[in-house]
Amino acid sequence: YGVITEAKRHPEIESVYGAIGGMEGI
């Protein structure tokens, strides 16, 4: 949530991706 909150303060950030299922998700 902290990452998402901080990202919203920066218009240059378009997306915050979450890797579904850990490293395997990447």
PDB file of all heavy atoms in Angstrom:
ATOM      1  N   TYR A   1       0.836  -1.205   0.000  1.00  0.00           N
ATOM      2  CA  TYR A   1       0.000   0.000   0.000  1.00  0.00           C
ATOM      3  C   TYR A   1       0.875   1.260   0.000  1.00  0.00           C
ATOM      4  O   TYR A   1       0.556   2.257  -0.662  1.00  0.00           O
ATOM      5  CB  TYR A   1      -0.922  -0.001   1.223  1.00  0.00           C
ATOM      6  CG  TYR A   1      -1.849   1.192   1.287  1.00  0.00           C
ATOM      7  CD1 TYR A   1      -2.965   1.282   0.458  1.00  0.00           C
ATOM      8  CD2 TYR A   1      -1.602   2.234   2.177  1.00  0.00           C
ATOM      9  CE1 TYR A   1      -3.808   2.381   0.520  1.00  0.00           C
ATOM     10  CE2 TYR A   1      -2.436   3.337   2.247  1.00  0.00           C
ATOM     11  CZ  TYR A   1      -3.544   3.400   1.412  1.00  0.00           C
ATOM     12  OH  TYR A   1      -4.375   4.504   1.453  1.00  0.00           O
ATOM     13  N   GLY A   2       1.990   1.208   0.720  1.00  0.00           N
ATOM     14  CA  GLY A   2       2.897   2.351   0.750  1.00  0.00           C
ATOM     15  C   GLY A   2       3.472   2.666  -0.617  1.00  0.00           C
ATOM     16  O   GLY A   2       3.582   3.832  -1.009  1.00  0.00           O
ATOM     17  N   VAL A   3       3.852   1.635  -1.369  1.00  0.00           N
ATOM     18  CA  VAL A   3       4.364   1.837  -2.729  1.00  0.00           C
ATOM     19  C   VAL A   3       3.297   2.480  -3.602  1.00  0.00           C
ATOM     20  O   VAL A   3       3.566   3.453  -4.334  1.00  0.00           O
ATOM     21  CB  VAL A   3       4.828   0.503  -3.348  1.00  0.00           C
ATOM     22  CG1 VAL A   3       5.216   0.709  -4.816  1.00  0.00           C
ATOM     23  CG2 VAL A   3       5.994  -0.082  -2.569  1.00  0.00           C
ATOM     24  N   ILE A   4       2.074   1.956  -3.537  1.00  0.00           N
ATOM     25  CA  ILE A   4       0.984   2.484  -4.355  1.00  0.00           C
ATOM     26  C   ILE A   4       0.690   3.936  -3.988  1.00  0.00           C
ATOM     27  O   ILE A   4       0.515   4.802  -4.865  1.00  0.00           O
ATOM     28  CB  ILE A   4      -0.285   1.617  -4.178  1.00  0.00           C
ATOM     29  CG1 ILE A   4      -0.034   0.199  -4.691  1.00  0.00           C
ATOM     30  CG2 ILE A   4      -1.476   2.242  -4.903  1.00  0.00           C
ATOM     31  CD1 ILE A   4      -1.117  -0.799  -4.300  1.00  0.00           C
ATOM     32  N   THR A   5       0.670   4.219  -2.679  1.00  0.00           N
ATOM     33  CA  THR A   5       0.394   5.578  -2.204  1.00  0.00           C
ATOM     34  C   THR A   5       1.445   6.557  -2.710  1.00  0.00           C
ATOM     35  O   THR A   5       1.126   7.662  -3.175  1.00  0.00           O
ATOM     36  CB  THR A   5       0.345   5.594  -0.660  1.00  0.00           C
ATOM     37  OG1 THR A   5      -0.684   4.714  -0.208  1.00  0.00           O
ATOM     38  CG2 THR A   5       0.066   7.001  -0.141  1.00  0.00           C
ATOM     39  N   GLU A   6       2.724   6.158  -2.616  1.00  0.00           N
ATOM     40  CA  GLU A   6       3.802   7.031  -3.083  1.00  0.00           C
ATOM     41  C   GLU A   6       3.738   7.211  -4.596  1.00  0.00           C
ATOM     42  O   GLU A   6       3.969   8.314  -5.117  1.00  0.00           O
ATOM     43  CB  GLU A   6       5.157   6.452  -2.675  1.00  0.00           C
ATOM     44  CG  GLU A   6       6.354   7.322  -3.029  1.00  0.00           C
ATOM     45  CD  GLU A   6       6.364   8.657  -2.304  1.00  0.00           C
ATOM     46  OE1 GLU A   6       5.786   8.752  -1.195  1.00  0.00           O
ATOM     47  OE2 GLU A   6       6.950   9.618  -2.848  1.00  0.00           O
ATOM     48  N   ALA A   7       3.403   6.156  -5.319  1.00  0.00           N
ATOM     49  CA  ALA A   7       3.323   6.234  -6.789  1.00  0.00           C
ATOM     50  C   ALA A   7       2.277   7.254  -7.231  1.00  0.00           C
ATOM     51  O   ALA A   7       2.470   7.955  -8.235  1.00  0.00           O
ATOM     52  CB  ALA A   7       3.000   4.858  -7.362  1.00  0.00           C
ATOM     53  N   LYS A   8       1.193   7.345  -6.487  1.00  0.00           N
ATOM     54  CA  LYS A   8       0.124   8.279  -6.846  1.00  0.00           C
ATOM     55  C   LYS A   8       0.565   9.736  -6.724  1.00  0.00           C
ATOM     56  O   LYS A   8      -0.065  10.624  -7.280  1.00  0.00           O
ATOM     57  CB  LYS A   8      -1.108   8.035  -5.962  1.00  0.00           C
ATOM     58  CG  LYS A   8      -1.849   6.740  -6.291  1.00  0.00           C
ATOM     59  CD  LYS A   8      -3.062   6.572  -5.378  1.00  0.00           C
ATOM     60  CE  LYS A   8      -3.874   5.345  -5.745  1.00  0.00           C
ATOM     61  NZ  LYS A   8      -5.052   5.181  -4.865  1.00  0.00           N
ATOM     62  N   ARG A   9       1.635   9.982  -6.004  1.00  0.00           N
ATOM     63  CA  ARG A   9       2.154  11.345  -5.838  1.00  0.00           C
ATOM     64  C   ARG A   9       3.031  11.761  -7.020  1.00  0.00           C
ATOM     65  O   ARG A   9       3.503  12.895  -7.075  1.00  0.00           O
ATOM     66  CB  ARG A   9       2.953  11.445  -4.541  1.00  0.00           C
ATOM     67  CG  ARG A   9       2.159  11.118  -3.277  1.00  0.00           C
ATOM     68  CD  ARG A   9       3.012  11.286  -2.024  1.00  0.00           C
ATOM     69  NE  ARG A   9       2.248  10.958  -0.821  1.00  0.00           N
ATOM     70  CZ  ARG A   9       2.593  10.039   0.069  1.00  0.00           C
ATOM     71  NH1 ARG A   9       3.725   9.365  -0.087  1.00  0.00           N
ATOM     72  NH2 ARG A   9       1.838   9.799   1.127  1.00  0.00           N
ATOM     73  N   HIS A  10       3.290  10.822  -7.930  1.00  0.00           N
ATOM     74  CA  HIS A  10       4.223  11.083  -9.030  1.00  0.00           C
ATOM     75  C   HIS A  10       3.535  10.823 -10.371  1.00  0.00           C
ATOM     76  O   HIS A  10       3.347   9.665 -10.763  1.00  0.00           O
ATOM     77  CB  HIS A  10       5.459  10.190  -8.882  1.00  0.00           C
ATOM     78  CG  HIS A  10       6.212  10.420  -7.606  1.00  0.00           C
ATOM     79  ND1 HIS A  10       7.193  11.377  -7.483  1.00  0.00           N
ATOM     80  CD2 HIS A  10       6.100   9.829  -6.387  1.00  0.00           C
ATOM     81  CE1 HIS A  10       7.669  11.360  -6.245  1.00  0.00           C
ATOM     82  NE2 HIS A  10       7.018  10.433  -5.554  1.00  0.00           N
ATOM     83  N   PRO A  11       3.166  11.868 -11.080  1.00  0.00           N
ATOM     84  CA  PRO A  11       2.440  11.708 -12.344  1.00  0.00           C
ATOM     85  C   PRO A  11       3.241  10.968 -13.412  1.00  0.00           C
ATOM     86  O   PRO A  11       2.658  10.449 -14.367  1.00  0.00           O
ATOM     87  CB  PRO A  11       2.151  13.152 -12.774  1.00  0.00           C
ATOM     88  CG  PRO A  11       3.096  14.007 -11.988  1.00  0.00           C
ATOM     89  CD  PRO A  11       3.338  13.289 -10.719  1.00  0.00           C
ATOM     90  N   GLU A  12       4.558  10.881 -13.238  1.00  0.00           N
ATOM     91  CA  GLU A  12       5.366  10.164 -14.233  1.00  0.00           C
ATOM     92  C   GLU A  12       5.216   8.641 -14.118  1.00  0.00           C
ATOM     93  O   GLU A  12       5.662   7.901 -14.988  1.00  0.00           O
ATOM     94  CB  GLU A  12       6.846  10.553 -14.113  1.00  0.00           C
ATOM     95  CG  GLU A  12       7.556  10.111 -12.850  1.00  0.00           C
ATOM     96  CD  GLU A  12       7.460  11.104 -11.693  1.00  0.00           C
ATOM     97  OE1 GLU A  12       6.482  11.869 -11.641  1.00  0.00           O
ATOM     98  OE2 GLU A  12       8.378  11.098 -10.853  1.00  0.00           O
ATOM     99  N   ILE A  13       4.579   8.182 -13.015  1.00  0.00           N
ATOM    100  CA  ILE A  13       4.316   6.749 -12.847  1.00  0.00           C
ATOM    101  C   ILE A  13       2.956   6.420 -13.463  1.00  0.00           C
ATOM    102  O   ILE A  13       1.937   6.962 -13.052  1.00  0.00           O
ATOM    103  CB  ILE A  13       4.329   6.336 -11.358  1.00  0.00           C
ATOM    104  CG1 ILE A  13       5.685   6.625 -10.722  1.00  0.00           C
ATOM    105  CG2 ILE A  13       3.966   4.855 -11.209  1.00  0.00           C
ATOM    106  CD1 ILE A  13       6.830   5.858 -11.318  1.00  0.00           C
ATOM    107  N   GLU A  14       2.961   5.540 -14.426  1.00  0.00           N
ATOM    108  CA  GLU A  14       1.714   5.160 -15.102  1.00  0.00           C
ATOM    109  C   GLU A  14       1.057   3.946 -14.459  1.00  0.00           C
ATOM    110  O   GLU A  14      -0.161   3.922 -14.267  1.00  0.00           O
ATOM    111  CB  GLU A  14       1.990   4.857 -16.577  1.00  0.00           C
ATOM    112  CG  GLU A  14       0.729   4.578 -17.391  1.00  0.00           C
ATOM    113  CD  GLU A  14       1.019   4.498 -18.879  1.00  0.00           C
ATOM    114  OE1 GLU A  14       2.139   4.088 -19.260  1.00  0.00           O
ATOM    115  OE2 GLU A  14       0.128   4.855 -19.663  1.00  0.00           O
ATOM    116  N   SER A  15       1.858   2.935 -14.106  1.00  0.00           N
ATOM    117  CA  SER A  15       1.310   1.705 -13.541  1.00  0.00           C
ATOM    118  C   SER A  15       2.186   1.202 -12.405  1.00  0.00           C
ATOM    119  O   SER A  15       3.409   1.361 -12.426  1.00  0.00           O
ATOM    120  CB  SER A  15       1.219   0.596 -14.601  1.00  0.00           C
ATOM    121  OG  SER A  15       0.355   0.970 -15.655  1.00  0.00           O
ATOM    122  N   VAL A  16       1.536   0.609 -11.409  1.00  0.00           N
ATOM    123  CA  VAL A  16       2.241  -0.141 -10.367  1.00  0.00           C
ATOM    124  C   VAL A  16       1.806  -1.588 -10.513  1.00  0.00           C
ATOM    125  O   VAL A  16       0.676  -1.948 -10.199  1.00  0.00           O
ATOM    126  CB  VAL A  16       1.914   0.372  -8.952  1.00  0.00           C
ATOM    127  CG1 VAL A  16       2.569  -0.539  -7.900  1.00  0.00           C
ATOM    128  CG2 VAL A  16       2.389   1.804  -8.759  1.00  0.00           C
ATOM    129  N   TYR A  17       2.709  -2.401 -11.034  1.00  0.00           N
ATOM    130  CA  TYR A  17       2.388  -3.809 -11.230  1.00  0.00           C
ATOM    131  C   TYR A  17       2.705  -4.616  -9.971  1.00  0.00           C
ATOM    132  O   TYR A  17       3.705  -4.381  -9.296  1.00  0.00           O
ATOM    133  CB  TYR A  17       3.201  -4.390 -12.390  1.00  0.00           C
ATOM    134  CG  TYR A  17       2.806  -3.881 -13.750  1.00  0.00           C
ATOM    135  CD1 TYR A  17       3.691  -3.114 -14.504  1.00  0.00           C
ATOM    136  CD2 TYR A  17       1.551  -4.170 -14.290  1.00  0.00           C
ATOM    137  CE1 TYR A  17       3.351  -2.646 -15.764  1.00  0.00           C
ATOM    138  CE2 TYR A  17       1.193  -3.707 -15.552  1.00  0.00           C
ATOM    139  CZ  TYR A  17       2.089  -2.946 -16.278  1.00  0.00           C
ATOM    140  OH  TYR A  17       1.740  -2.483 -17.534  1.00  0.00           O
ATOM    141  N   GLY A  18       1.838  -5.577  -9.684  1.00  0.00           N
ATOM    142  CA  GLY A  18       2.122  -6.580  -8.672  1.00  0.00           C
ATOM    143  C   GLY A  18       2.405  -7.890  -9.384  1.00  0.00           C
ATOM    144  O   GLY A  18       1.640  -8.285 -10.275  1.00  0.00           O
ATOM    145  N   ALA A  19       3.510  -8.548  -9.018  1.00  0.00           N
ATOM    146  CA  ALA A  19       3.817  -9.852  -9.605  1.00  0.00           C
ATOM    147  C   ALA A  19       2.959 -10.899  -8.888  1.00  0.00           C
ATOM    148  O   ALA A  19       3.144 -11.137  -7.695  1.00  0.00           O
ATOM    149  CB  ALA A  19       5.295 -10.176  -9.455  1.00  0.00           C
ATOM    150  N   ILE A  20       2.021 -11.490  -9.594  1.00  0.00           N
ATOM    151  CA  ILE A  20       1.102 -12.446  -8.982  1.00  0.00           C
ATOM    152  C   ILE A  20       1.819 -13.788  -8.783  1.00  0.00           C
ATOM    153  O   ILE A  20       2.212 -14.441  -9.738  1.00  0.00           O
ATOM    154  CB  ILE A  20      -0.160 -12.633  -9.850  1.00  0.00           C
ATOM    155  CG1 ILE A  20      -0.856 -11.282 -10.095  1.00  0.00           C
ATOM    156  CG2 ILE A  20      -1.121 -13.622  -9.191  1.00  0.00           C
ATOM    157  CD1 ILE A  20      -1.278 -10.549  -8.833  1.00  0.00           C
ATOM    158  N   GLY A  21       1.986 -14.151  -7.512  1.00  0.00           N
ATOM    159  CA  GLY A  21       2.648 -15.418  -7.203  1.00  0.00           C
ATOM    160  C   GLY A  21       4.141 -15.320  -7.010  1.00  0.00           C
ATOM    161  O   GLY A  21       4.860 -16.301  -7.207  1.00  0.00           O
ATOM    162  N   GLY A  22       4.642 -14.165  -6.622  1.00  0.00           N
ATOM    163  CA  GLY A  22       6.060 -14.025  -6.309  1.00  0.00           C
ATOM    164  C   GLY A  22       6.962 -13.971  -7.534  1.00  0.00           C
ATOM    165  O   GLY A  22       6.546 -13.559  -8.623  1.00  0.00           O
ATOM    166  N   MET A  23       8.197 -14.404  -7.377  1.00  0.00           N
ATOM    167  CA  MET A  23       9.182 -14.323  -8.458  1.00  0.00           C
ATOM    168  C   MET A  23       8.729 -15.096  -9.698  1.00  0.00           C
ATOM    169  O   MET A  23       9.005 -14.690 -10.827  1.00  0.00           O
ATOM    170  CB  MET A  23      10.536 -14.860  -7.981  1.00  0.00           C
ATOM    171  CG  MET A  23      11.290 -13.936  -7.049  1.00  0.00           C
ATOM    172  SD  MET A  23      11.589 -12.291  -7.758  1.00  0.00           S
ATOM    173  CE  MET A  23      12.464 -12.726  -9.257  1.00  0.00           C
ATOM    174  N   GLU A  24       8.041 -16.182  -9.491  1.00  0.00           N
ATOM    175  CA  GLU A  24       7.528 -16.952 -10.625  1.00  0.00           C
ATOM    176  C   GLU A  24       6.566 -16.112 -11.450  1.00  0.00           C
ATOM    177  O   GLU A  24       6.452 -16.275 -12.666  1.00  0.00           O
ATOM    178  CB  GLU A  24       6.840 -18.218 -10.125  1.00  0.00           C
ATOM    179  CG  GLU A  24       6.542 -19.237 -11.209  1.00  0.00           C
ATOM    180  CD  GLU A  24       6.027 -20.543 -10.650  1.00  0.00           C
ATOM    181  OE1 GLU A  24       5.794 -20.628  -9.415  1.00  0.00           O
ATOM    182  OE2 GLU A  24       5.853 -21.486 -11.435  1.00  0.00           O
ATOM    183  N   GLY A  25       5.878 -15.170 -10.780  1.00  0.00           N
ATOM    184  CA  GLY A  25       4.951 -14.283 -11.471  1.00  0.00           C
ATOM    185  C   GLY A  25       5.648 -13.360 -12.448  1.00  0.00           C
ATOM    186  O   GLY A  25       5.071 -12.970 -13.471  1.00  0.00           O
ATOM    187  N   ILE A  26       6.901 -12.988 -12.147  1.00  0.00           N
ATOM    188  CA  ILE A  26       7.671 -12.175 -13.095  1.00  0.00           C
ATOM    189  C   ILE A  26       8.051 -13.020 -14.308  1.00  0.00           C
ATOM    190  O   ILE A  26       7.849 -12.627 -15.454  1.00  0.00           O
ATOM    191  CB  ILE A  26       8.946 -11.601 -12.444  1.00  0.00           C
ATOM    192  CG1 ILE A  26       8.597 -10.721 -11.250  1.00  0.00           C
ATOM    193  CG2 ILE A  26       9.742 -10.796 -13.475  1.00  0.00           C
ATOM    194  CD1 ILE A  26       9.809 -10.145 -10.538  1.00  0.00           C
TER     195      ILE A  26
END
